Protein backbone atom coordinates (compact mmCIF):
# COMPACT_ATOMS: atom_id res chain seq x y z
CA MET A 1 -5.39 9.19 9.66
CA ARG A 2 -2.86 8.86 6.81
CA ILE A 3 -3.58 5.74 4.79
CA LEU A 4 -1.19 4.20 2.22
CA ALA A 5 -3.19 2.30 -0.42
CA ASP A 6 -1.43 -1.07 -1.09
CA SER A 7 -1.14 -2.50 -4.63
CA ALA A 8 -3.70 -5.20 -3.84
CA PHE A 9 -6.18 -2.63 -2.72
CA VAL A 10 -5.66 -0.37 -5.90
CA ILE A 11 -6.04 -3.42 -8.18
CA ASP A 12 -9.28 -4.33 -6.58
CA TYR A 13 -10.51 -0.86 -6.88
CA LEU A 14 -9.59 -0.63 -10.43
CA ARG A 15 -11.39 -3.96 -10.99
CA GLY A 16 -14.50 -2.57 -9.38
CA VAL A 17 -14.55 -4.74 -6.41
CA PRO A 18 -17.49 -3.37 -4.40
CA ALA A 19 -15.65 -3.57 -0.97
CA ALA A 20 -12.74 -1.71 -2.29
CA GLU A 21 -14.81 0.97 -4.01
CA ALA A 22 -16.90 1.42 -0.67
CA ARG A 23 -13.56 1.65 1.37
CA TRP A 24 -12.15 4.14 -0.90
CA GLU A 25 -15.29 6.38 -0.63
CA ALA A 26 -14.99 5.94 3.16
CA VAL A 27 -11.38 7.25 3.12
CA PHE A 28 -12.55 10.54 1.84
CA ALA A 29 -15.80 10.63 3.89
CA GLU A 30 -13.90 10.03 7.08
CA GLY A 31 -11.32 12.67 6.30
CA ASP A 32 -8.39 10.33 6.01
CA GLU A 33 -5.34 11.35 3.92
CA PRO A 34 -4.66 8.78 1.13
CA ILE A 35 -1.01 8.28 0.06
CA VAL A 36 0.94 5.92 -2.23
CA ASN A 37 4.56 5.41 -3.03
CA GLU A 38 6.62 4.43 -6.09
CA ILE A 39 6.37 0.68 -5.19
CA VAL A 40 2.52 0.64 -5.40
CA VAL A 41 2.48 2.78 -8.65
CA CYS A 42 5.11 0.44 -10.30
CA GLU A 43 3.37 -2.72 -9.23
CA VAL A 44 -0.14 -1.56 -10.43
CA SER A 45 1.29 -0.09 -13.66
CA ALA A 46 3.12 -3.39 -14.45
CA GLY A 47 -0.25 -5.13 -14.95
CA LEU A 48 -2.32 -2.23 -15.96
CA LEU A 49 -4.55 -2.72 -19.05
CA GLU A 50 -4.56 0.32 -21.43
CA ARG A 51 -8.30 0.72 -20.89
CA ASP A 52 -7.80 1.10 -17.23
CA GLU A 53 -5.13 3.90 -17.45
CA PRO A 54 -7.67 6.68 -17.18
CA ARG A 55 -9.22 5.19 -13.98
CA PHE A 56 -5.83 4.83 -12.43
CA SER A 57 -4.86 8.33 -13.23
CA ALA A 58 -8.14 9.55 -11.68
CA PHE A 59 -7.34 7.30 -8.68
CA LEU A 60 -3.99 9.00 -8.18
CA GLU A 61 -5.28 12.55 -8.67
CA PRO A 62 -6.11 13.24 -4.99
CA VAL A 63 -3.42 10.97 -3.51
CA GLU A 64 -0.21 12.34 -2.00
CA PHE A 65 2.86 10.59 -3.44
CA ILE A 66 5.54 9.89 -0.86
CA GLN A 67 9.13 8.87 -1.41
CA PRO A 68 10.60 7.43 1.88
CA GLY A 69 14.27 7.71 2.38
CA PRO A 70 17.09 5.45 3.47
CA ASP A 71 15.66 4.96 7.00
CA ALA A 72 12.65 3.31 5.53
CA ALA A 73 14.68 1.08 3.21
CA LEU A 74 16.94 -0.08 6.29
CA LEU A 75 13.84 -0.75 8.24
CA ALA A 76 12.30 -2.88 5.41
CA GLY A 77 15.58 -4.78 5.19
CA ARG A 78 15.49 -5.49 9.00
CA TRP A 79 11.96 -6.64 8.80
CA ARG A 80 12.75 -9.01 5.83
CA SER A 81 15.80 -10.42 7.82
CA ALA A 82 13.77 -10.97 10.90
CA ALA A 83 11.05 -12.73 9.02
CA ARG A 84 13.47 -14.98 7.29
CA ALA A 85 15.11 -15.91 10.60
CA ASP A 86 11.60 -16.95 11.78
CA GLY A 87 11.11 -19.12 8.63
CA TRP A 88 8.88 -16.66 6.83
CA THR A 89 9.22 -14.72 3.51
CA LEU A 90 8.40 -11.03 3.46
CA GLY A 91 8.70 -9.78 0.04
CA LEU A 92 10.62 -6.80 -1.06
CA ALA A 93 7.72 -4.77 -2.29
CA ASP A 94 5.60 -5.48 0.77
CA ALA A 95 8.45 -4.73 3.15
CA LEU A 96 9.11 -1.32 1.34
CA ILE A 97 5.51 -0.47 1.23
CA ALA A 98 5.14 -1.27 5.04
CA ALA A 99 8.27 0.64 5.85
CA ALA A 100 7.02 3.77 3.91
CA ALA A 101 3.72 3.68 5.81
CA TYR A 102 5.42 3.09 9.05
CA THR A 103 7.91 5.95 8.84
CA ASP A 104 5.19 8.11 7.52
CA ASN A 105 2.98 7.19 10.56
CA ALA A 106 0.33 5.84 8.24
CA ALA A 107 -1.66 2.64 8.13
CA VAL A 108 -1.63 0.41 5.06
CA LEU A 109 -4.87 -0.24 3.36
CA THR A 110 -4.83 -3.89 2.17
CA ARG A 111 -6.62 -7.27 2.03
CA ASN A 112 -3.09 -8.83 2.21
CA THR A 113 -2.87 -9.06 5.86
CA ARG A 114 -0.74 -12.27 6.02
CA ASP A 115 2.47 -10.53 4.67
CA PHE A 116 1.94 -7.25 6.31
CA ALA A 117 1.45 -9.04 9.66
CA LEU A 118 5.14 -9.73 9.52
CA THR A 119 5.70 -6.03 10.28
CA PRO A 120 4.50 -3.69 13.02
CA VAL A 121 2.59 -1.50 10.58
CA ARG A 122 -0.92 -0.69 11.28
CA LEU A 123 -3.51 -2.18 8.82
CA VAL A 124 -6.86 -1.11 7.54
CA THR A 125 -8.85 -3.83 5.66
CA TYR A 126 -11.94 -3.89 3.61
């Protein structure tokens, strides 16, 4: 299965959260294909401490970087609009991450199930 690592997951992994570290090991042990997009890299980089840069680089080394196109952006916009119409807020970053995974037939690896539940994307938690 293709799995897009969400920013919350990557941050937990970099902080050494045992559940995140174990789940990351399982991704490779189970033969899953880890991916990220520019939104995840940007969000993580924005709060990255200098001492964590080597660990983040090592994290990204075996991960495929995807760049979804206009179809994913349009889909993310539709999901945000639908959530707003239902009285919910789906943030731009989460909508774009979900749409990237959805259009790539991937699941999102996250602990942020509340926001991603506003989309039809498959979720993998830890």
